[in-house]
Every structure is written in structure tokens, then in C-alpha cells.
Amino acid sequence: MEKFSTSGPIKEKNGVFITTYGCQMNVNDTERMFSLLEMSNYTPVTSADQASLIKINSCSVREKPVHKVHSEVGRYRKLKEMNPNLKIGVAGCVAQQEKKRLIADIPLLDFVVGTDAIDQLPELVNKLDREKQVSARFEYQKPYQIETLIRNPGVSTFVNITKGCDNFCTFCVVPFTRGRERSRKAQELIQDIQKLVDRGVKEVTLLGQNVNSYKSECGADFADLLRLVATETNIQRIRYTTSHPKDFNQKLVDIMQEHREKVCEYIHLPVQSGNSQVLDRMNRNYTREEYIQKVKMIERAIPGVVLSTDIIVGFPGETDEQFEDTLSLLDEVSYESIYAFKYSPRPFTKAAQFTDQVDEQIKSERLNRLFAKHDEIARKLCKKYEGQTLEVLVEEVNAEGRAFGRSTQNKVVHFNGTNALVGQTVAVKVIEAFPQTMRGELKN
């Protein structure tokens, strides 16, 4: 339990504290909110008891999201009692999905901002400041244009290229919380990325719920956009996430290979299940066999490509035999990392209405088995990097002189270095490799 004290840090007159839960989209949204609030003279602070404005950027992908919001707001009750002018708000997917319920059920809240209303933050907080009434309750849901808005982009940063999703997977709440899919104009993206380069950014990750379904107003698809970013900007490295297997095609892998000097050889390709019947119930629009064919296509075009994936265990109706198909998929596709979760029903989704829900204990057992199997595989796969020299983009060096960065294969590598290396791409020989991180030494 977080504790606050009146003898703690001095409050900023316009200090803003934001907690963030969920995916890279939420991380990107938080950065966007900080930037917008700076326009209203708010300064980021490092703890809630320094703040005059607290925001919870929520996620509704996993279970009990509303309970988590209630719990966190409850932790700020003492701060609100000590400072009645403190403003507390909720943003993100829970705000979009549960806005009326949050306003009705949590008296401490001053405002709720859905995912479609982030650009209204300066207007909202200015109104709160003018009225000086903690009882003023606002619910903003105006649409906004997707754009890049980043305070301190650093060496590597995200660039939002789409918002929302049109796939309606039966387990996923995103179309209901972030709306139907919208793509940014290709030329705007090129201009944004070049501006980031001018500010010192070396690497961008193109970001979207389903990034490779991108379609610009001029008809350019995601592969075309990837080529444009590679050829019309001075960015050194390009990544992207998250891909949908149904939209992954030969044109995309050909362009990745053509521009391999910039496009990293790492692909996150969520499979969700290794069984075709389960995939059909999920509305994923591909079979196990089709997915494996896509992987083979990728591996033929991009030798040495590194793959990761998302997996859901315990989807409604999943039998022991169907789960075994997911386990066996790990033997066919060499994922170097996986992100796996127990299925949890989400409001508005079709799967939440399925009557054949899987017992929680069975879900837990399956998840443990999946992690155990992949851990064994990952420990063997990572050993191939020992003795190799990787090109590492240095992101940070700590006070002890330990540098870290990522290779083009998305491997986090730690080694001894100096601050002068930040932003540079250096050759690092891997001394010891683990599934999640590697230890190396700088090559002369």
C-alpha cells in the first residue's frame, strides 16, 4: 500500500502525475497527455504527493480493470483530504468503456477522459482551474486527430500510424474502447518522423493495434509506408508492432528485405492459439496451417529473423487436445519470446457470452505448462548469440557506467560504456546470453 505524508516532497503548484497500465498505445497516449498538459503549464512529477493533478491511464484488456481504478483512486483519498484542490482523473480504455459508471461510483474523481478525447485535456484542466470546484465533474468524448506529440523522444520512440481496429476478434475489447480503424496520412507521418530525427531520434517503432492493415488516403498500404519511411527520412532504424497474420504478405517481407539496412529483423506476430477451431471461434481469419505458411514465407525472405508472439490459454471451449496444439506449435515455430495470458471475458465482446467458459484452475495449469515449455526452448535458442557480435543502438548509460541498448533482433544487451555512446550504434560481442537479456563487451 502506497503511503503519503505531509512531510514528504514539496508539491508543485501545477505538478502532474500519471500512472500507466497496458500496451504501447497507452504508453504513447501518456506521453501525449504529458505534452498537452505542458501547454497548460503543468510539470511532470515523480510521485503522487507532489502533484496537483493525478491521472490514471487505464487498460481494460485484462480482468477487473474497474476494480483496479477504484483501488488506485482510493490510495489518493488522504492526498485529497490534505489538498481539496487536488484534481484526480481517469483516462484510457477503462475511461472510454466505463465512463458513466466511473463518474457515478467514484466520488473522488473530478473528470474522465476517453481515448478519443485526449486532445481536450488542456481545455478540461483549464476549466477546472477557472471554476476551482472539486465537485465539478466532466466527461469528455470529443474525437481527435492522430498525431505524433512527444516531449522528450530520446534515442528510440513510438510513432502512432493507426488508431482503433476493425477485426472484432471475439476476445478483444479494442474496437469498443478505441473505435474503428483510422490511418494517418502517409506524408504527415514522413514529416513527423523527419522532425523526430532532427531532434536526435535514431529509431522509431510504427505503432497500431493492427499496424499492417494501414491504408493511407492515397492508397498506400503498410508495405508502401515502410518503404517511404526507409527512403524519405533519415531515420536509422525502423520497427513496428503489432502485426496481424492475416494481413502479412509477400510484398511486406520483400520490402523488409530490400531495406534491411534500416528495417529491423524482428517481427511480433500474434498467433493466439495453435488450434484452427479455436482460431475460428476467435475470429482470427487464418488457420494454424496458414499461420505456419506465413512464418515460412518470412523466414525464406529474411534469414535470421526473430519472431515473438501472443498466446491466449483457456479460451472458451478450449479442450485439452486443442491446448496441446498450441504447445506443439512451439516445436514448429522458433519463438524467441512469447507473451501469454489466461483468457478473461471483456465487456461487449462476443466470447464473453460463450457458455463454455474454462475453469480458472485449468487456465492457470495450462499457462504454467506453456511458460515452462517455452522457457526451455528460449534458453536453448538464446545460446546461439554467445560469441556473436551484435549492432547495438545505445539507449542509456547508468551512473555505474553500465550501458544498454537493443540489437536489430530486439535483444537487450548490457555492457560497460560511457555517456558519449548514447545514440550511437556500436558493435558488442555477446559474452553471456539469457532469454530476456544479454551481457557483452564493447568491441574496439
Protein backbone atom coordinates (compact mmCIF):
# COMPACT_ATOMS: atom_id res chain seq x y z
CA MET A 1 0.00 0.00 0.00
CA GLU A 2 1.38 3.40 -1.03
CA LYS A 3 1.73 5.83 1.89
CA PHE A 4 1.79 9.62 1.76
CA SER A 5 3.00 12.12 4.31
CA THR A 6 2.64 15.87 4.74
CA SER A 7 6.36 15.89 5.49
CA GLY A 8 7.11 14.36 2.10
CA PRO A 9 8.14 16.10 -1.15
CA ILE A 10 7.04 19.67 -1.76
CA LYS A 11 4.01 19.88 -4.05
CA GLU A 12 4.37 21.51 -7.44
CA LYS A 13 1.76 24.21 -7.99
CA ASN A 14 0.99 22.60 -11.36
CA GLY A 15 2.53 19.17 -10.96
CA VAL A 16 1.05 16.26 -12.91
CA PHE A 17 1.49 12.60 -12.00
CA ILE A 18 0.30 9.89 -14.42
CA THR A 19 0.26 6.13 -13.87
CA THR A 20 0.09 3.99 -17.00
CA TYR A 21 -1.23 0.48 -17.50
CA GLY A 22 -1.40 -1.69 -20.61
CA CYS A 23 0.05 -1.71 -24.09
CA GLN A 24 2.40 0.55 -26.06
CA MET A 25 -0.66 2.50 -27.25
CA ASN A 26 -1.30 3.56 -23.66
CA VAL A 27 2.37 4.41 -23.13
CA ASN A 28 2.18 6.57 -26.24
CA ASP A 29 -1.06 8.17 -25.02
CA THR A 30 0.58 9.04 -21.67
CA GLU A 31 3.45 10.77 -23.45
CA ARG A 32 0.86 12.64 -25.46
CA MET A 33 -1.01 13.72 -22.31
CA PHE A 34 2.19 14.99 -20.69
CA SER A 35 2.90 17.06 -23.79
CA LEU A 36 -0.60 18.54 -23.92
CA LEU A 37 -0.57 19.36 -20.21
CA GLU A 38 2.76 21.13 -20.54
CA MET A 39 0.88 23.53 -22.83
CA SER A 40 -1.26 24.35 -19.77
CA ASN A 41 1.87 24.92 -17.64
CA TYR A 42 1.83 21.55 -15.89
CA THR A 43 5.14 19.96 -14.96
CA PRO A 44 5.64 16.18 -14.66
CA VAL A 45 6.44 14.99 -11.12
CA THR A 46 7.77 11.68 -9.87
CA SER A 47 5.28 10.90 -7.10
CA ALA A 48 1.58 11.45 -6.43
CA ASP A 49 2.14 13.54 -3.29
CA GLN A 50 4.00 16.16 -5.37
CA ALA A 51 1.08 16.58 -7.76
CA SER A 52 -1.83 18.95 -8.11
CA LEU A 53 -3.21 16.76 -10.92
CA ILE A 54 -3.25 12.95 -10.89
CA LYS A 55 -4.28 10.83 -13.87
CA ILE A 56 -4.71 7.09 -14.17
CA ASN A 57 -4.23 5.93 -17.76
CA SER A 58 -6.17 2.70 -17.59
CA CYS A 59 -6.28 -0.54 -19.56
CA SER A 60 -9.29 -2.83 -19.99
CA VAL A 61 -7.66 -5.72 -21.83
CA ARG A 62 -7.27 -7.88 -18.71
CA GLU A 63 -9.73 -8.70 -15.96
CA LYS A 64 -11.05 -6.46 -13.18
CA PRO A 65 -9.91 -3.14 -14.69
CA VAL A 66 -12.61 -1.11 -12.92
CA HIS A 67 -11.60 -2.62 -9.56
CA LYS A 68 -8.00 -1.54 -10.21
CA VAL A 69 -9.13 2.02 -10.88
CA HIS A 70 -11.22 2.03 -7.68
CA SER A 71 -8.24 0.72 -5.73
CA GLU A 72 -5.77 3.28 -7.07
CA VAL A 73 -8.13 6.23 -6.62
CA GLY A 74 -8.70 5.02 -3.06
CA ARG A 75 -4.97 5.30 -2.37
CA TYR A 76 -5.19 9.03 -3.12
CA ARG A 77 -8.00 9.71 -0.64
CA LYS A 78 -5.60 11.04 2.02
CA LEU A 79 -3.99 13.37 -0.51
CA LYS A 80 -7.39 14.72 -1.48
CA GLU A 81 -8.24 15.33 2.18
CA MET A 82 -4.99 17.24 2.68
CA ASN A 83 -5.43 19.19 -0.56
CA PRO A 84 -9.08 19.71 -1.64
CA ASN A 85 -7.82 21.42 -4.82
CA LEU A 86 -6.13 18.23 -5.97
CA LYS A 87 -7.71 17.01 -9.21
CA ILE A 88 -7.96 13.27 -9.95
CA GLY A 89 -8.95 11.85 -13.34
CA VAL A 90 -9.11 8.62 -15.29
CA ALA A 91 -8.12 8.23 -18.94
CA GLY A 92 -7.60 5.30 -21.28
CA CYS A 93 -9.68 2.30 -22.26
CA VAL A 94 -11.50 1.89 -18.93
CA ALA A 95 -12.45 5.57 -19.11
CA GLN A 96 -13.81 5.05 -22.63
CA GLN A 97 -15.66 1.88 -21.72
CA GLU A 98 -16.91 2.64 -18.20
CA LYS A 99 -17.15 6.44 -18.19
CA LYS A 100 -20.66 6.78 -16.77
CA ARG A 101 -20.08 4.07 -14.18
CA LEU A 102 -16.82 5.67 -13.03
CA ILE A 103 -18.40 9.11 -12.66
CA ALA A 104 -21.31 7.65 -10.71
CA ASP A 105 -19.36 5.27 -8.48
CA ILE A 106 -16.16 7.15 -7.55
CA PRO A 107 -16.91 10.49 -5.83
CA LEU A 108 -13.20 11.36 -5.63
CA LEU A 109 -12.96 11.62 -9.42
CA ASP A 110 -13.04 15.08 -10.98
CA PHE A 111 -13.03 14.03 -14.62
CA VAL A 112 -12.99 11.11 -17.03
CA VAL A 113 -11.29 11.31 -20.44
CA GLY A 114 -11.85 8.57 -23.01
CA THR A 115 -9.31 7.52 -25.62
CA ASP A 116 -11.00 9.73 -28.21
CA ALA A 117 -10.70 12.90 -26.13
CA ILE A 118 -7.04 13.25 -25.24
CA ASP A 119 -6.67 16.48 -27.21
CA GLN A 120 -9.27 18.09 -24.95
CA LEU A 121 -7.06 17.86 -21.85
CA PRO A 122 -5.82 21.47 -21.89
CA GLU A 123 -9.40 22.73 -22.23
CA LEU A 124 -10.56 20.43 -19.45
CA VAL A 125 -7.91 21.30 -16.86
CA ASN A 126 -8.16 25.00 -17.65
CA LYS A 127 -11.89 24.82 -16.98
CA LEU A 128 -11.27 23.03 -13.70
CA ASP A 129 -8.69 25.66 -12.72
CA ARG A 130 -11.09 28.50 -13.51
CA GLU A 131 -14.02 27.07 -11.61
CA LYS A 132 -11.94 26.00 -8.57
CA GLN A 133 -14.58 23.45 -7.68
CA VAL A 134 -13.55 19.92 -6.88
CA SER A 135 -17.19 18.93 -7.28
CA ALA A 136 -17.11 19.83 -10.96
CA ARG A 137 -17.33 16.53 -12.84
CA PHE A 138 -16.55 16.35 -16.55
CA GLU A 139 -16.85 13.64 -19.16
CA TYR A 140 -15.08 14.46 -22.42
CA GLN A 141 -15.54 12.30 -25.52
CA LYS A 142 -14.72 14.55 -28.47
CA PRO A 143 -12.84 12.93 -31.37
CA TYR A 144 -9.21 13.80 -32.03
CA GLN A 145 -6.77 13.50 -34.89
CA ILE A 146 -3.92 11.04 -34.50
CA GLU A 147 -0.57 12.83 -34.48
CA THR A 148 2.88 12.49 -33.05
CA LEU A 149 3.27 14.56 -29.90
CA ILE A 150 6.34 13.68 -27.87
CA ARG A 151 8.13 15.76 -25.20
CA ASN A 152 11.46 14.01 -24.84
CA PRO A 153 11.68 11.34 -27.54
CA GLY A 154 15.15 10.10 -26.62
CA VAL A 155 17.02 7.67 -28.84
CA SER A 156 14.02 5.46 -29.67
CA THR A 157 10.34 6.34 -29.72
CA PHE A 158 6.89 5.27 -30.91
CA VAL A 159 5.02 6.84 -33.83
CA ASN A 160 1.29 6.16 -33.95
CA ILE A 161 0.19 5.33 -37.53
CA THR A 162 -3.31 3.96 -36.87
CA LYS A 163 -5.94 4.13 -34.17
CA GLY A 164 -8.67 1.61 -33.45
CA CYS A 165 -9.33 -1.78 -35.04
CA ASP A 166 -11.83 -3.33 -37.45
CA ASN A 167 -11.07 -7.01 -36.81
CA PHE A 168 -13.51 -7.70 -33.96
CA CYS A 169 -11.70 -10.74 -32.60
CA THR A 170 -14.24 -12.28 -30.26
CA PHE A 171 -11.96 -11.89 -27.20
CA CYS A 172 -10.87 -8.29 -27.81
CA VAL A 173 -12.37 -5.07 -26.46
CA VAL A 174 -10.23 -2.69 -28.54
CA PRO A 175 -12.85 -1.89 -31.24
CA PHE A 176 -15.20 -0.83 -28.43
CA THR A 177 -12.67 1.26 -26.49
CA ARG A 178 -10.59 2.76 -29.32
CA GLY A 179 -13.15 2.71 -32.11
CA ARG A 180 -12.99 1.69 -35.74
CA GLU A 181 -9.66 1.77 -37.52
CA ARG A 182 -8.30 5.07 -38.80
CA SER A 183 -4.98 5.61 -40.58
CA ARG A 184 -2.86 8.74 -40.62
CA LYS A 185 -1.82 10.37 -43.87
CA ALA A 186 1.45 8.96 -45.16
CA GLN A 187 3.02 12.34 -45.84
CA GLU A 188 2.19 13.57 -42.33
CA LEU A 189 3.94 10.52 -40.91
CA ILE A 190 7.02 11.14 -43.04
CA GLN A 191 7.15 14.76 -41.84
CA ASP A 192 6.69 13.73 -38.20
CA ILE A 193 9.44 11.12 -38.38
CA GLN A 194 11.88 13.52 -40.01
CA LYS A 195 11.15 16.08 -37.27
CA LEU A 196 11.93 13.39 -34.70
CA VAL A 197 15.20 12.64 -36.50
CA ASP A 198 16.05 16.34 -36.33
CA ARG A 199 15.51 16.11 -32.55
CA GLY A 200 18.01 13.26 -32.23
CA VAL A 201 15.81 10.17 -32.60
CA LYS A 202 17.64 7.23 -34.18
CA GLU A 203 14.90 4.59 -34.11
CA VAL A 204 11.10 4.64 -34.47
CA THR A 205 8.54 1.94 -33.82
CA LEU A 206 5.48 2.33 -36.04
CA LEU A 207 2.56 1.66 -33.75
CA GLY A 208 -1.02 0.47 -34.22
CA GLN A 209 -3.47 -2.10 -32.88
CA ASN A 210 -3.11 -3.82 -36.25
CA VAL A 211 -0.22 -1.97 -37.82
CA ASN A 212 -0.03 -3.83 -41.12
CA SER A 213 -3.66 -3.09 -42.05
CA TYR A 214 -2.59 0.55 -42.52
CA LYS A 215 -4.13 2.23 -45.56
CA SER A 216 -3.42 5.86 -46.41
CA GLU A 217 -5.71 8.27 -48.23
CA CYS A 218 -3.63 7.85 -51.39
CA GLY A 219 -3.98 4.06 -51.34
CA ALA A 220 -0.56 3.27 -49.87
CA ASP A 221 -0.57 0.14 -47.72
CA PHE A 222 1.72 -0.67 -44.82
CA ALA A 223 4.46 -2.08 -47.04
CA ASP A 224 4.41 1.14 -49.07
CA LEU A 225 4.61 3.19 -45.87
CA LEU A 226 7.57 1.14 -44.67
CA ARG A 227 9.39 1.87 -47.94
CA LEU A 228 8.58 5.59 -47.67
CA VAL A 229 9.92 5.79 -44.11
CA ALA A 230 13.08 3.97 -45.17
CA THR A 231 13.72 6.09 -48.28
CA GLU A 232 12.30 9.53 -47.46
CA THR A 233 13.56 10.04 -43.90
CA ASN A 234 16.99 9.88 -42.30
CA ILE A 235 15.87 7.54 -39.54
CA GLN A 236 18.46 4.85 -38.83
CA ARG A 237 16.21 2.04 -37.61
CA ILE A 238 12.56 1.08 -38.11
CA ARG A 239 10.47 -1.34 -36.05
CA TYR A 240 6.73 -1.92 -35.98
CA THR A 241 4.09 -3.54 -33.82
CA THR A 242 1.58 -5.21 -33.69
CA SER A 243 1.03 -7.27 -36.85
CA HIS A 244 -1.99 -9.39 -37.72
CA PRO A 245 -1.11 -12.63 -39.53
CA LYS A 246 -4.00 -12.28 -41.99
CA ASP A 247 -2.50 -9.02 -43.31
CA PHE A 248 1.09 -10.22 -43.52
CA ASN A 249 2.03 -10.74 -47.16
CA GLN A 250 4.92 -11.33 -49.56
CA LYS A 251 5.10 -7.65 -50.51
CA LEU A 252 5.79 -6.69 -46.89
CA VAL A 253 8.59 -9.20 -46.35
CA ASP A 254 10.13 -8.27 -49.72
CA ILE A 255 10.29 -4.60 -48.67
CA MET A 256 11.73 -5.58 -45.28
CA GLN A 257 14.45 -7.50 -47.10
CA GLU A 258 15.00 -4.70 -49.62
CA HIS A 259 15.52 -2.16 -46.82
CA ARG A 260 17.16 -4.46 -44.29
CA GLU A 261 19.79 -1.79 -43.54
CA LYS A 262 17.01 0.13 -41.75
CA VAL A 263 14.13 -2.28 -41.03
CA CYS A 264 14.96 -4.49 -38.06
CA GLU A 265 14.78 -8.25 -38.48
CA TYR A 266 12.30 -8.70 -35.64
CA ILE A 267 8.58 -9.43 -36.07
CA HIS A 268 5.92 -9.74 -33.39
CA LEU A 269 3.27 -11.99 -34.97
CA PRO A 270 0.46 -12.90 -32.53
CA VAL A 271 -0.92 -16.39 -33.12
CA GLN A 272 -3.24 -16.52 -30.03
CA SER A 273 -3.83 -20.28 -30.42
CA GLY A 274 -2.26 -23.23 -32.22
CA ASN A 275 -5.61 -24.87 -32.97
CA SER A 276 -7.62 -23.94 -36.08
CA GLN A 277 -11.02 -24.50 -34.45
CA VAL A 278 -10.14 -22.17 -31.58
CA LEU A 279 -8.79 -19.62 -34.06
CA ASP A 280 -12.10 -19.76 -35.91
CA ARG A 281 -14.05 -19.10 -32.70
CA MET A 282 -11.67 -16.22 -32.01
CA ASN A 283 -12.50 -14.79 -35.47
CA ARG A 284 -8.82 -14.59 -36.36
CA ASN A 285 -9.36 -15.33 -40.08
CA TYR A 286 -6.49 -17.78 -40.51
CA THR A 287 -5.83 -21.42 -39.67
CA ARG A 288 -2.87 -22.99 -37.91
CA GLU A 289 -1.58 -24.19 -41.29
CA GLU A 290 -1.93 -20.74 -42.88
CA TYR A 291 -0.09 -19.16 -39.98
CA ILE A 292 2.80 -21.61 -40.32
CA GLN A 293 2.96 -20.89 -44.06
CA LYS A 294 3.28 -17.17 -43.27
CA VAL A 295 6.15 -17.93 -40.91
CA LYS A 296 7.93 -19.97 -43.58
CA MET A 297 7.44 -17.12 -46.07
CA ILE A 298 9.01 -14.70 -43.58
CA GLU A 299 11.95 -16.98 -42.80
CA ARG A 300 12.68 -17.53 -46.51
CA ALA A 301 12.75 -13.79 -47.22
CA ILE A 302 14.54 -12.66 -44.04
CA PRO A 303 17.24 -15.10 -42.91
CA GLY A 304 17.91 -14.80 -39.18
CA VAL A 305 14.56 -13.15 -38.46
CA VAL A 306 13.50 -13.21 -34.79
CA LEU A 307 9.86 -13.96 -34.01
CA SER A 308 7.74 -13.35 -30.93
CA THR A 309 4.04 -13.93 -30.37
CA ASP A 310 0.95 -13.55 -28.17
CA ILE A 311 -0.94 -16.58 -26.90
CA ILE A 312 -4.24 -16.87 -25.03
CA VAL A 313 -4.85 -20.04 -23.00
CA GLY A 314 -8.22 -21.21 -21.75
CA PHE A 315 -10.32 -19.56 -24.46
CA PRO A 316 -13.98 -20.63 -24.07
CA GLY A 317 -14.42 -24.22 -25.19
CA GLU A 318 -10.68 -24.94 -25.49
CA THR A 319 -10.18 -28.66 -24.88
CA ASP A 320 -7.05 -30.38 -23.59
CA GLU A 321 -6.36 -31.61 -27.13
CA GLN A 322 -6.70 -28.11 -28.57
CA PHE A 323 -4.33 -26.72 -25.96
CA GLU A 324 -1.84 -29.44 -26.90
CA ASP A 325 -1.91 -28.00 -30.44
CA THR A 326 -0.73 -24.69 -29.00
CA LEU A 327 2.09 -26.44 -27.15
CA SER A 328 3.14 -28.31 -30.30
CA LEU A 329 3.21 -25.06 -32.28
CA LEU A 330 6.22 -24.04 -30.17
CA ASP A 331 8.07 -27.01 -31.68
CA GLU A 332 7.27 -25.81 -35.22
CA VAL A 333 7.85 -22.07 -34.82
CA SER A 334 11.01 -20.93 -33.04
CA TYR A 335 9.64 -18.05 -30.98
CA GLU A 336 12.44 -16.39 -29.05
CA SER A 337 9.89 -14.75 -26.76
CA ILE A 338 6.18 -15.14 -26.05
CA TYR A 339 3.55 -13.08 -24.25
CA ALA A 340 0.92 -15.42 -22.88
CA PHE A 341 -2.22 -14.78 -20.84
CA LYS A 342 -5.22 -16.54 -19.41
CA TYR A 343 -8.42 -15.67 -21.24
CA SER A 344 -10.59 -13.20 -19.37
CA PRO A 345 -14.08 -12.08 -20.54
CA ARG A 346 -14.24 -8.45 -21.66
CA PRO A 347 -17.45 -6.38 -21.80
CA PHE A 348 -19.18 -6.14 -25.20
CA THR A 349 -17.11 -8.95 -26.73
CA LYS A 350 -18.75 -11.99 -28.29
CA ALA A 351 -16.62 -14.52 -26.37
CA ALA A 352 -17.85 -13.10 -23.05
CA GLN A 353 -21.27 -14.52 -23.95
CA PHE A 354 -19.98 -18.01 -24.71
CA THR A 355 -21.37 -20.51 -22.21
CA ASP A 356 -18.43 -22.95 -22.29
CA GLN A 357 -16.00 -20.89 -20.19
CA VAL A 358 -12.90 -22.78 -18.99
CA ASP A 359 -12.29 -23.26 -15.27
CA GLU A 360 -9.74 -20.81 -13.78
CA GLN A 361 -7.61 -23.58 -12.31
CA ILE A 362 -7.35 -25.26 -15.70
CA LYS A 363 -6.35 -21.95 -17.28
CA SER A 364 -3.62 -21.48 -14.70
CA GLU A 365 -2.28 -25.00 -15.18
CA ARG A 366 -2.17 -24.56 -18.95
CA LEU A 367 -0.44 -21.20 -18.68
CA ASN A 368 2.21 -22.66 -16.38
CA ARG A 369 2.80 -25.55 -18.78
CA LEU A 370 3.11 -23.15 -21.71
CA PHE A 371 5.63 -20.94 -19.93
CA ALA A 372 7.65 -23.95 -18.77
CA LYS A 373 7.86 -25.36 -22.28
CA HIS A 374 8.81 -22.07 -23.85
CA ASP A 375 11.37 -21.27 -21.15
CA GLU A 376 13.20 -24.49 -22.02
CA ILE A 377 13.10 -23.62 -25.73
CA ALA A 378 14.15 -19.99 -25.22
CA ARG A 379 17.15 -20.95 -23.09
CA LYS A 380 18.44 -23.12 -25.92
CA LEU A 381 17.71 -20.56 -28.66
CA CYS A 382 19.50 -17.70 -26.91
CA LYS A 383 22.79 -19.59 -26.67
CA LYS A 384 23.37 -19.10 -30.41
CA TYR A 385 24.11 -15.43 -29.69
CA GLU A 386 27.07 -16.17 -27.41
CA GLY A 387 30.24 -15.23 -29.24
CA GLN A 388 28.32 -13.25 -31.87
CA THR A 389 28.83 -9.54 -32.44
CA LEU A 390 25.59 -7.54 -32.49
CA GLU A 391 24.96 -4.00 -33.65
CA VAL A 392 23.53 -2.29 -30.56
CA LEU A 393 21.86 1.13 -30.50
CA VAL A 394 22.84 2.58 -27.12
CA GLU A 395 19.84 4.00 -25.25
CA GLU A 396 21.21 4.74 -21.79
CA VAL A 397 24.29 4.60 -19.56
CA ASN A 398 23.79 4.49 -15.79
CA ALA A 399 25.90 6.11 -13.06
CA GLU A 400 27.99 2.94 -12.70
CA GLY A 401 28.99 3.03 -16.36
CA ARG A 402 26.72 0.19 -17.45
CA ALA A 403 25.32 0.84 -20.91
CA PHE A 404 22.38 -0.87 -22.50
CA GLY A 405 20.64 -0.85 -25.84
CA ARG A 406 18.90 -3.10 -28.31
CA SER A 407 20.17 -5.02 -31.29
CA THR A 408 18.31 -5.21 -34.59
CA GLN A 409 16.97 -8.57 -33.35
CA ASN A 410 15.34 -6.70 -30.41
CA LYS A 411 17.77 -8.15 -27.90
CA VAL A 412 18.57 -6.04 -24.84
CA VAL A 413 22.35 -6.00 -24.38
CA HIS A 414 24.24 -4.68 -21.32
CA PHE A 415 27.93 -3.75 -21.42
CA ASN A 416 30.42 -1.25 -19.99
CA GLY A 417 30.30 2.14 -21.69
CA THR A 418 30.27 5.91 -21.35
CA ASN A 419 27.62 8.59 -21.85
CA ALA A 420 29.28 9.55 -25.11
CA LEU A 421 27.91 6.33 -26.62
CA VAL A 422 24.23 7.23 -26.13
CA GLY A 423 22.56 7.45 -29.53
CA GLN A 424 25.39 5.61 -31.27
CA THR A 425 25.24 2.16 -32.85
CA VAL A 426 28.17 0.10 -31.59
CA ALA A 427 29.48 -3.43 -32.07
CA VAL A 428 29.11 -5.54 -28.94
CA LYS A 429 30.33 -9.11 -28.56
CA VAL A 430 27.89 -11.22 -26.57
CA ILE A 431 29.60 -12.96 -23.64
CA GLU A 432 26.56 -14.47 -21.95
CA ALA A 433 23.01 -14.76 -23.30
CA PHE A 434 19.72 -15.27 -21.48
CA PRO A 435 16.18 -15.32 -22.93
CA GLN A 436 15.39 -11.73 -21.85
CA THR A 437 18.76 -10.01 -21.78
CA MET A 438 22.40 -10.40 -22.77
CA ARG A 439 25.78 -9.39 -21.34
CA GLY A 440 28.53 -8.29 -23.69
CA GLU A 441 31.69 -6.29 -24.18
CA LEU A 442 32.30 -3.35 -26.49
CA LYS A 443 34.47 -4.23 -29.46
CA ASN A 444 37.29 -1.85 -30.36
